[in-house]
Amino acid sequence: TYLNSNGSQLEQRTARYIQYMANFTTQDKYITPTLENVSINYTETNAPRINFTFPTPENNSFINANFIYINVSIFDEHSIDKCILEFNGVNESLLIVRDGRNTTCFVNKSSLAEGKHSFKAYANDSFGNMNSTEIRNVTIDYTLPDITINFPVNDFNTSVDAINFNWTATDNIDINITCNLTIND
């Protein structure tokens, strides 16, 4: 039996060690059993369940801002000791919010350069069990492509029914550019 002075259930506690009290009774009124120096060993080997949650970008996303918010949800039988984010091969700690067996870890990665970025999250519980998410890749691209109309030039007049348009487009990140032409709205 788990007794707690504040009335919370065992699974709602954030703790590594739990203190137990054992009471033994006997029918023999002349024997009073005593309990001294008892140790209870408990081992748990289940890895925490860890997943990216909204608003974390989906894998292979294109983002037109210089920041991304990464959110991780973790469920485990015990307390989560730490959450680590591996971002572009560099590890950093995530902020942690605990709610019973549930843990949320998060970070706002800001001032990101344009280009491809990869990330993965790890979680360790209080018994040393570790698990990780999948690797996600995102591309930051907040610079508009440069488009130049080569033909026809401004103030072009013609009496033909068909006109061929020639344009050039360049982009720092994306090599597959699609161009739509609108004439007179």
C-alpha atoms as a PDB file:
ATOM      1  CA  THR A   1       0.000   0.000   0.000  1.00  0.00           C
ATOM      2  CA  TYR A   2       1.283   3.420  -0.882  1.00  0.00           C
ATOM      3  CA  LEU A   3       0.499   6.100   1.694  1.00  0.00           C
ATOM      4  CA  ASN A   4       0.995   9.721   0.879  1.00  0.00           C
ATOM      5  CA  SER A   5       0.399  12.658   3.187  1.00  0.00           C
ATOM      6  CA  ASN A   6      -1.036  14.876   0.447  1.00  0.00           C
ATOM      7  CA  GLY A   7      -3.359  12.193  -1.006  1.00  0.00           C
ATOM      8  CA  SER A   8      -1.877  12.008  -4.524  1.00  0.00           C
ATOM      9  CA  GLN A   9      -1.722   8.651  -6.263  1.00  0.00           C
ATOM     10  CA  LEU A  10       1.611   6.937  -6.895  1.00  0.00           C
ATOM     11  CA  GLU A  11       1.439   7.411 -10.683  1.00  0.00           C
ATOM     12  CA  GLN A  12       1.002  11.176 -10.177  1.00  0.00           C
ATOM     13  CA  ARG A  13       4.232  11.542  -8.214  1.00  0.00           C
ATOM     14  CA  THR A  14       7.433  12.809  -9.753  1.00  0.00           C
ATOM     15  CA  ALA A  15      10.012  10.827  -7.860  1.00  0.00           C
ATOM     16  CA  ARG A  16      12.850   8.422  -8.367  1.00  0.00           C
ATOM     17  CA  TYR A  17      12.633   6.609  -5.049  1.00  0.00           C
ATOM     18  CA  ILE A  18       9.553   5.496  -3.154  1.00  0.00           C
ATOM     19  CA  GLN A  19       9.525   4.711   0.553  1.00  0.00           C
ATOM     20  CA  TYR A  20       7.511   1.648   1.570  1.00  0.00           C
ATOM     21  CA  MET A  21       6.180   0.657   4.980  1.00  0.00           C
ATOM     22  CA  ALA A  22       5.390  -3.008   5.667  1.00  0.00           C
ATOM     23  CA  ASN A  23       3.185  -4.231   8.528  1.00  0.00           C
ATOM     24  CA  PHE A  24       3.184  -7.890   9.536  1.00  0.00           C
ATOM     25  CA  THR A  25       0.668  -9.527  11.850  1.00  0.00           C
ATOM     26  CA  THR A  26       0.607 -12.915  13.561  1.00  0.00           C
ATOM     27  CA  GLN A  27      -1.977 -14.976  15.422  1.00  0.00           C
ATOM     28  CA  ASP A  28       0.573 -15.790  18.152  1.00  0.00           C
ATOM     29  CA  LYS A  29       0.156 -13.166  20.888  1.00  0.00           C
ATOM     30  CA  TYR A  30       3.610 -13.884  22.318  1.00  0.00           C
ATOM     31  CA  ILE A  31       5.522 -13.031  19.152  1.00  0.00           C
ATOM     32  CA  THR A  32       5.859  -9.432  18.117  1.00  0.00           C
ATOM     33  CA  PRO A  33       7.473  -9.363  14.694  1.00  0.00           C
ATOM     34  CA  THR A  34       9.782  -6.502  13.908  1.00  0.00           C
ATOM     35  CA  LEU A  35      11.039  -5.289  10.611  1.00  0.00           C
ATOM     36  CA  GLU A  36      14.478  -3.776  10.333  1.00  0.00           C
ATOM     37  CA  ASN A  37      16.758  -2.835   7.457  1.00  0.00           C
ATOM     38  CA  VAL A  38      14.461  -3.858   4.655  1.00  0.00           C
ATOM     39  CA  SER A  39      15.394  -2.854   1.136  1.00  0.00           C
ATOM     40  CA  ILE A  40      13.137  -3.302  -1.833  1.00  0.00           C
ATOM     41  CA  ASN A  41      14.787  -3.357  -5.232  1.00  0.00           C
ATOM     42  CA  TYR A  42      12.692  -2.227  -8.145  1.00  0.00           C
ATOM     43  CA  THR A  43      13.786  -2.321 -11.752  1.00  0.00           C
ATOM     44  CA  GLU A  44      11.873  -0.980 -14.710  1.00  0.00           C
ATOM     45  CA  THR A  45      13.193  -1.341 -18.255  1.00  0.00           C
ATOM     46  CA  ASN A  46      10.419   0.170 -20.392  1.00  0.00           C
ATOM     47  CA  ALA A  47      11.614   3.006 -22.583  1.00  0.00           C
ATOM     48  CA  PRO A  48       9.582   6.243 -22.508  1.00  0.00           C
ATOM     49  CA  ARG A  49       7.126   6.709 -25.375  1.00  0.00           C
ATOM     50  CA  ILE A  50       8.135   9.912 -27.157  1.00  0.00           C
ATOM     51  CA  ASN A  51       6.499  11.608 -30.147  1.00  0.00           C
ATOM     52  CA  PHE A  52       6.546  14.968 -31.896  1.00  0.00           C
ATOM     53  CA  THR A  53       3.248  16.815 -31.520  1.00  0.00           C
ATOM     54  CA  PHE A  54       1.684  19.908 -33.046  1.00  0.00           C
ATOM     55  CA  PRO A  55       2.962  22.520 -33.877  1.00  0.00           C
ATOM     56  CA  THR A  56       6.190  20.665 -34.726  1.00  0.00           C
ATOM     57  CA  PRO A  57       6.639  20.773 -38.510  1.00  0.00           C
ATOM     58  CA  GLU A  58       6.020  17.563 -40.438  1.00  0.00           C
ATOM     59  CA  ASN A  59       8.968  15.779 -42.039  1.00  0.00           C
ATOM     60  CA  ASN A  60      10.181  17.383 -45.303  1.00  0.00           C
ATOM     61  CA  SER A  61       8.270  20.622 -44.660  1.00  0.00           C
ATOM     62  CA  PHE A  62       9.100  23.953 -46.310  1.00  0.00           C
ATOM     63  CA  ILE A  63       8.791  26.855 -43.874  1.00  0.00           C
ATOM     64  CA  ASN A  64       8.780  30.527 -44.870  1.00  0.00           C
ATOM     65  CA  ALA A  65       9.906  31.862 -41.474  1.00  0.00           C
ATOM     66  CA  ASN A  66      13.228  31.924 -39.632  1.00  0.00           C
ATOM     67  CA  PHE A  67      11.938  29.949 -36.633  1.00  0.00           C
ATOM     68  CA  ILE A  68      10.277  26.650 -35.788  1.00  0.00           C
ATOM     69  CA  TYR A  69       8.551  25.509 -32.612  1.00  0.00           C
ATOM     70  CA  ILE A  70       9.382  21.931 -31.598  1.00  0.00           C
ATOM     71  CA  ASN A  71       7.022  20.153 -29.200  1.00  0.00           C
ATOM     72  CA  VAL A  72       7.488  16.616 -27.830  1.00  0.00           C
ATOM     73  CA  SER A  73       5.010  14.534 -25.833  1.00  0.00           C
ATOM     74  CA  ILE A  74       6.358  11.787 -23.554  1.00  0.00           C
ATOM     75  CA  PHE A  75       4.561   9.119 -21.537  1.00  0.00           C
ATOM     76  CA  ASP A  76       6.374   6.877 -19.057  1.00  0.00           C
ATOM     77  CA  GLU A  77       5.693   4.951 -15.863  1.00  0.00           C
ATOM     78  CA  HIS A  78       8.222   7.167 -14.071  1.00  0.00           C
ATOM     79  CA  SER A  79       9.543  10.692 -14.077  1.00  0.00           C
ATOM     80  CA  ILE A  80      11.375  12.012 -17.121  1.00  0.00           C
ATOM     81  CA  ASP A  81      14.819  13.213 -16.060  1.00  0.00           C
ATOM     82  CA  LYS A  82      15.753  15.032 -19.233  1.00  0.00           C
ATOM     83  CA  CYS A  83      14.732  15.856 -22.773  1.00  0.00           C
ATOM     84  CA  ILE A  84      17.419  16.475 -25.363  1.00  0.00           C
ATOM     85  CA  LEU A  85      17.023  17.973 -28.830  1.00  0.00           C
ATOM     86  CA  GLU A  86      19.602  17.091 -31.459  1.00  0.00           C
ATOM     87  CA  PHE A  87      19.339  19.984 -33.929  1.00  0.00           C
ATOM     88  CA  ASN A  88      21.676  19.870 -36.942  1.00  0.00           C
ATOM     89  CA  GLY A  89      23.880  17.419 -35.026  1.00  0.00           C
ATOM     90  CA  VAL A  90      24.215  19.590 -31.883  1.00  0.00           C
ATOM     91  CA  ASN A  91      22.533  18.559 -28.598  1.00  0.00           C
ATOM     92  CA  GLU A  92      20.648  20.981 -26.351  1.00  0.00           C
ATOM     93  CA  SER A  93      18.236  20.642 -23.447  1.00  0.00           C
ATOM     94  CA  LEU A  94      14.526  21.146 -23.982  1.00  0.00           C
ATOM     95  CA  LEU A  95      12.218  22.888 -21.511  1.00  0.00           C
ATOM     96  CA  ILE A  96      10.189  20.355 -19.475  1.00  0.00           C
ATOM     97  CA  VAL A  97       6.634  20.490 -18.115  1.00  0.00           C
ATOM     98  CA  ARG A  98       5.502  17.448 -16.084  1.00  0.00           C
ATOM     99  CA  ASP A  99       1.931  16.338 -15.432  1.00  0.00           C
ATOM    100  CA  GLY A 100       1.888  12.988 -13.619  1.00  0.00           C
ATOM    101  CA  ARG A 101       3.131  10.365 -16.070  1.00  0.00           C
ATOM    102  CA  ASN A 102       2.916  12.781 -18.975  1.00  0.00           C
ATOM    103  CA  THR A 103       5.733  15.129 -19.873  1.00  0.00           C
ATOM    104  CA  THR A 104       5.910  17.813 -22.528  1.00  0.00           C
ATOM    105  CA  CYS A 105       9.240  19.136 -23.761  1.00  0.00           C
ATOM    106  CA  PHE A 106       9.534  22.097 -26.103  1.00  0.00           C
ATOM    107  CA  VAL A 107      11.727  24.799 -27.595  1.00  0.00           C
ATOM    108  CA  ASN A 108      11.363  27.666 -30.048  1.00  0.00           C
ATOM    109  CA  LYS A 109      14.326  27.556 -32.449  1.00  0.00           C
ATOM    110  CA  SER A 110      14.726  31.121 -33.710  1.00  0.00           C
ATOM    111  CA  SER A 111      17.075  33.076 -35.995  1.00  0.00           C
ATOM    112  CA  LEU A 112      17.463  30.065 -38.272  1.00  0.00           C
ATOM    113  CA  ALA A 113      19.373  30.439 -41.512  1.00  0.00           C
ATOM    114  CA  GLU A 114      17.780  29.488 -44.789  1.00  0.00           C
ATOM    115  CA  GLY A 115      18.459  25.937 -45.878  1.00  0.00           C
ATOM    116  CA  LYS A 116      17.900  22.396 -44.702  1.00  0.00           C
ATOM    117  CA  HIS A 117      17.739  21.559 -40.985  1.00  0.00           C
ATOM    118  CA  SER A 118      17.302  18.214 -39.229  1.00  0.00           C
ATOM    119  CA  PHE A 119      16.242  17.388 -35.688  1.00  0.00           C
ATOM    120  CA  LYS A 120      15.492  14.498 -33.358  1.00  0.00           C
ATOM    121  CA  ALA A 121      14.451  14.393 -29.673  1.00  0.00           C
ATOM    122  CA  TYR A 122      15.571  12.038 -26.874  1.00  0.00           C
ATOM    123  CA  ALA A 123      14.055  11.376 -23.439  1.00  0.00           C
ATOM    124  CA  ASN A 124      15.542   9.652 -20.368  1.00  0.00           C
ATOM    125  CA  ASP A 125      13.396   8.471 -17.460  1.00  0.00           C
ATOM    126  CA  SER A 126      14.503   8.301 -13.832  1.00  0.00           C
ATOM    127  CA  PHE A 127      15.512   4.635 -14.230  1.00  0.00           C
ATOM    128  CA  GLY A 128      17.927   5.407 -17.071  1.00  0.00           C
ATOM    129  CA  ASN A 129      15.704   4.161 -19.901  1.00  0.00           C
ATOM    130  CA  MET A 130      16.032   6.197 -23.109  1.00  0.00           C
ATOM    131  CA  ASN A 131      14.056   6.518 -26.325  1.00  0.00           C
ATOM    132  CA  SER A 132      14.018   8.893 -29.294  1.00  0.00           C
ATOM    133  CA  THR A 133      11.786  10.224 -32.032  1.00  0.00           C
ATOM    134  CA  GLU A 134      12.342   9.834 -35.733  1.00  0.00           C
ATOM    135  CA  ILE A 135      14.582  12.340 -37.523  1.00  0.00           C
ATOM    136  CA  ARG A 136      12.665  15.183 -39.157  1.00  0.00           C
ATOM    137  CA  ASN A 137      14.005  17.352 -41.949  1.00  0.00           C
ATOM    138  CA  VAL A 138      12.715  20.840 -42.729  1.00  0.00           C
ATOM    139  CA  THR A 139      13.760  23.503 -45.195  1.00  0.00           C
ATOM    140  CA  ILE A 140      13.713  27.148 -44.135  1.00  0.00           C
ATOM    141  CA  ASP A 141      13.071  29.416 -47.123  1.00  0.00           C
ATOM    142  CA  TYR A 142      11.849  32.938 -46.435  1.00  0.00           C
ATOM    143  CA  THR A 143      13.361  34.720 -49.460  1.00  0.00           C
ATOM    144  CA  LEU A 144      11.075  35.090 -52.470  1.00  0.00           C
ATOM    145  CA  PRO A 145      12.381  33.856 -55.816  1.00  0.00           C
ATOM    146  CA  ASP A 146      13.649  36.430 -58.310  1.00  0.00           C
ATOM    147  CA  ILE A 147      11.575  36.467 -61.524  1.00  0.00           C
ATOM    148  CA  THR A 148      12.500  38.395 -64.675  1.00  0.00           C
ATOM    149  CA  ILE A 149      10.291  38.551 -67.773  1.00  0.00           C
ATOM    150  CA  ASN A 150      12.665  38.532 -70.754  1.00  0.00           C
ATOM    151  CA  PHE A 151      10.008  38.772 -73.467  1.00  0.00           C
ATOM    152  CA  PRO A 152       7.778  40.597 -74.085  1.00  0.00           C
ATOM    153  CA  VAL A 153       9.163  43.765 -72.537  1.00  0.00           C
ATOM    154  CA  ASN A 154       7.069  46.608 -71.094  1.00  0.00           C
ATOM    155  CA  ASP A 155       4.826  48.491 -73.556  1.00  0.00           C
ATOM    156  CA  PHE A 156       5.012  45.660 -76.092  1.00  0.00           C
ATOM    157  CA  ASN A 157       2.373  46.002 -78.815  1.00  0.00           C
ATOM    158  CA  THR A 158       1.417  43.370 -81.330  1.00  0.00           C
ATOM    159  CA  SER A 159      -1.494  42.338 -83.525  1.00  0.00           C
ATOM    160  CA  VAL A 160      -0.836  38.579 -83.410  1.00  0.00           C
ATOM    161  CA  ASP A 161      -3.138  36.205 -81.526  1.00  0.00           C
ATOM    162  CA  ALA A 162      -0.416  34.181 -79.783  1.00  0.00           C
ATOM    163  CA  ILE A 163       2.529  35.537 -77.822  1.00  0.00           C
ATOM    164  CA  ASN A 164       5.360  33.437 -76.448  1.00  0.00           C
ATOM    165  CA  PHE A 165       6.569  34.542 -73.038  1.00  0.00           C
ATOM    166  CA  ASN A 166      10.126  34.023 -71.878  1.00  0.00           C
ATOM    167  CA  TRP A 167      11.050  34.365 -68.222  1.00  0.00           C
ATOM    168  CA  THR A 168      13.926  33.561 -65.867  1.00  0.00           C
ATOM    169  CA  ALA A 169      13.472  32.614 -62.224  1.00  0.00           C
ATOM    170  CA  THR A 170      16.113  31.920 -59.577  1.00  0.00           C
ATOM    171  CA  ASP A 171      15.859  30.917 -55.940  1.00  0.00           C
ATOM    172  CA  ASN A 172      18.478  30.328 -53.249  1.00  0.00           C
ATOM    173  CA  ILE A 173      16.904  27.069 -52.059  1.00  0.00           C
ATOM    174  CA  ASP A 174      14.411  25.589 -54.510  1.00  0.00           C
ATOM    175  CA  ILE A 175      15.521  24.574 -58.006  1.00  0.00           C
ATOM    176  CA  ASN A 176      12.013  23.458 -59.046  1.00  0.00           C
ATOM    177  CA  ILE A 177      10.199  26.719 -59.687  1.00  0.00           C
ATOM    178  CA  THR A 178       6.708  26.947 -61.135  1.00  0.00           C
ATOM    179  CA  CYS A 179       5.564  30.172 -62.752  1.00  0.00           C
ATOM    180  CA  ASN A 180       1.948  31.153 -63.433  1.00  0.00           C
ATOM    181  CA  LEU A 181       1.146  33.901 -65.917  1.00  0.00           C
ATOM    182  CA  THR A 182      -1.902  36.138 -65.463  1.00  0.00           C
ATOM    183  CA  ILE A 183      -2.893  38.568 -68.226  1.00  0.00           C
ATOM    184  CA  ASN A 184      -5.376  41.375 -67.508  1.00  0.00           C
ATOM    185  CA  ASP A 185      -6.371  39.876 -64.142  1.00  0.00           C
END
